Protein backbone atom coordinates (compact mmCIF):
# COMPACT_ATOMS: atom_id res chain seq x y z
CA UNK A 1 -17.87 6.76 -11.86
CA UNK A 2 -16.10 10.11 -11.98
CA UNK A 3 -14.00 9.59 -8.86
CA UNK A 4 -14.03 7.77 -5.55
CA UNK A 5 -13.01 8.78 -2.05
CA UNK A 6 -12.59 5.56 -0.13
CA UNK A 7 -15.74 3.57 -0.84
CA UNK A 8 -17.77 6.68 -1.73
CA UNK A 9 -18.20 6.96 -5.52
CA UNK A 10 -18.80 10.36 -7.10
CA UNK A 11 -21.30 9.55 -9.85
CA UNK A 12 -24.69 10.54 -11.24
CA UNK A 13 -26.38 8.32 -8.64
CA UNK A 14 -24.57 9.95 -5.68
CA UNK A 15 -22.88 13.32 -6.26
CA UNK A 16 -21.64 14.24 -9.72
CA UNK A 17 -19.04 16.97 -9.44
CA UNK A 18 -18.51 19.39 -12.28
CA UNK A 19 -15.25 20.90 -11.11
CA UNK A 20 -12.09 19.72 -9.45
CA UNK A 21 -9.15 21.83 -8.36
CA UNK A 22 -5.81 20.56 -7.15
CA UNK A 23 -3.11 22.55 -5.38
CA UNK A 24 0.39 21.22 -4.72
CA UNK A 25 3.14 23.10 -2.88
CA UNK A 26 6.85 22.53 -2.25
CA UNK A 27 8.84 23.89 0.66
CA UNK A 28 12.02 25.94 0.34
CA UNK A 29 13.98 27.19 3.35
CA UNK A 30 15.64 30.58 3.02
CA UNK A 31 18.71 32.03 4.63
CA UNK A 32 19.50 35.76 4.40
CA UNK A 33 22.70 36.93 2.68
CA UNK A 34 24.28 40.37 2.74
CA UNK A 35 24.07 42.18 -0.59
CA UNK A 36 22.37 39.30 -2.40
CA UNK A 37 19.09 37.47 -2.59
CA UNK A 38 18.35 34.98 0.15
CA UNK A 39 19.87 31.53 -0.31
CA UNK A 40 17.25 28.83 -0.72
CA UNK A 41 17.23 25.12 -0.16
CA UNK A 42 14.55 22.67 -1.19
CA UNK A 43 13.33 20.91 1.96
CA UNK A 44 10.60 18.66 0.59
CA UNK A 45 7.00 18.51 -0.44
CA UNK A 46 4.49 20.87 1.10
CA UNK A 47 0.72 20.74 1.41
CA UNK A 48 -1.46 19.19 -1.29
CA UNK A 49 -5.18 19.80 -1.43
CA UNK A 50 -8.07 18.94 -3.73
CA UNK A 51 -11.36 20.79 -4.05
CA UNK A 52 -14.43 19.09 -5.52
CA UNK A 53 -17.61 20.98 -6.33
CA UNK A 54 -20.88 20.54 -8.14
CA UNK A 55 -24.64 20.48 -7.89
CA UNK A 56 -26.85 17.57 -6.84
CA UNK A 57 -30.29 17.70 -8.47
CA UNK A 58 -33.23 16.04 -6.69
CA UNK A 59 -34.46 14.54 -9.99
CA UNK A 60 -31.26 12.49 -10.27
CA UNK A 61 -30.07 11.76 -6.75
CA UNK A 62 -30.65 12.17 -3.04
CA UNK A 63 -27.90 14.72 -2.49
CA UNK A 64 -28.71 15.07 1.20
CA UNK A 65 -28.03 11.38 1.87
CA UNK A 66 -24.75 11.47 -0.06
CA UNK A 67 -23.58 14.60 1.75
CA UNK A 68 -24.52 13.04 5.09
CA UNK A 69 -22.45 9.97 4.19
CA UNK A 70 -19.45 12.19 3.41
CA UNK A 71 -20.02 14.08 6.66
CA UNK A 72 -19.96 10.77 8.55
CA UNK A 73 -16.70 9.82 6.80
CA UNK A 74 -15.16 13.17 7.77
CA UNK A 75 -16.19 12.72 11.40
CA UNK A 76 -14.04 9.58 11.67
CA UNK A 77 -10.87 11.60 10.96
CA UNK A 78 -9.66 8.79 8.71
CA UNK A 79 -7.68 9.25 5.51
CA UNK A 80 -9.32 7.86 2.37
CA UNK A 81 -7.72 6.99 -0.98
CA UNK A 82 -8.74 9.35 -3.79
CA UNK A 83 -8.91 7.70 -7.22
CA UNK A 84 -10.36 9.13 -10.46
CA UNK A 85 -12.39 7.19 -13.01
CA UNK A 86 -9.31 6.63 -15.20
CA UNK A 87 -7.55 4.86 -12.31
CA UNK A 88 -5.20 7.68 -11.27
CA UNK A 89 -4.43 7.40 -7.55
CA UNK A 90 -4.01 10.86 -6.00
CA UNK A 91 -3.07 9.62 -2.52
CA UNK A 92 -4.73 9.45 0.90
CA UNK A 93 -6.89 12.44 1.85
CA UNK A 94 -8.90 13.61 4.84
CA UNK A 95 -12.05 15.68 4.43
CA UNK A 96 -11.37 19.17 5.81
CA UNK A 97 -14.57 20.99 4.92
CA UNK A 98 -17.93 20.26 3.35
CA UNK A 99 -20.08 23.19 2.22
CA UNK A 100 -23.60 22.95 0.87
CA UNK A 101 -26.16 25.44 -0.36
CA UNK A 102 -29.81 24.42 -0.81
CA UNK A 103 -31.56 26.05 -3.79
CA UNK A 104 -34.98 26.08 -5.48
CA UNK A 105 -36.86 24.86 -2.42
CA UNK A 106 -40.16 23.01 -2.55
CA UNK A 107 -42.93 24.37 -0.28
CA UNK A 108 -41.89 21.94 2.48
CA UNK A 109 -38.27 23.18 2.37
CA UNK A 110 -36.85 20.24 0.43
CA UNK A 111 -34.22 21.47 -2.03
CA UNK A 112 -34.51 20.73 -5.74
CA UNK A 113 -30.78 21.36 -6.04
CA UNK A 114 -27.85 21.41 -3.63
CA UNK A 115 -24.59 23.12 -4.53
CA UNK A 116 -21.71 21.45 -2.72
CA UNK A 117 -17.98 21.86 -2.31
CA UNK A 118 -15.56 19.56 -0.52
CA UNK A 119 -12.00 20.40 0.50
CA UNK A 120 -9.59 17.50 0.93
CA UNK A 121 -6.08 17.52 2.39
CA UNK A 122 -3.45 14.93 1.47
CA UNK A 123 -1.99 13.24 4.54
CA UNK A 124 0.09 10.33 3.21
CA UNK A 125 3.85 10.39 2.82
């Protein structure tokens, strides 16, 4: 298992991602000063997001079913724990967006490969 979001495992059998990006921000309030740079004050953590992307190949997995399962999870609006295969807990995340691109179609329109990307937003304290 590469990673799990709630009870959904990212793996060869479901969706194996080949890239992960993480963005963390911190908030600083500013106050203008005459003749000097603005004064700043750290006011706490800001937004944290994770992006997961990869390609699901029909020879290895049913990418459509896995993406539909993630879409169902997103529709609940619930936050899900995000944990990588090494046991690192990233926090609780909601699914913000799910993009997919079907490629190399069979004559009936079934994709041989599906590129996917998922954007998650951290919502826990």
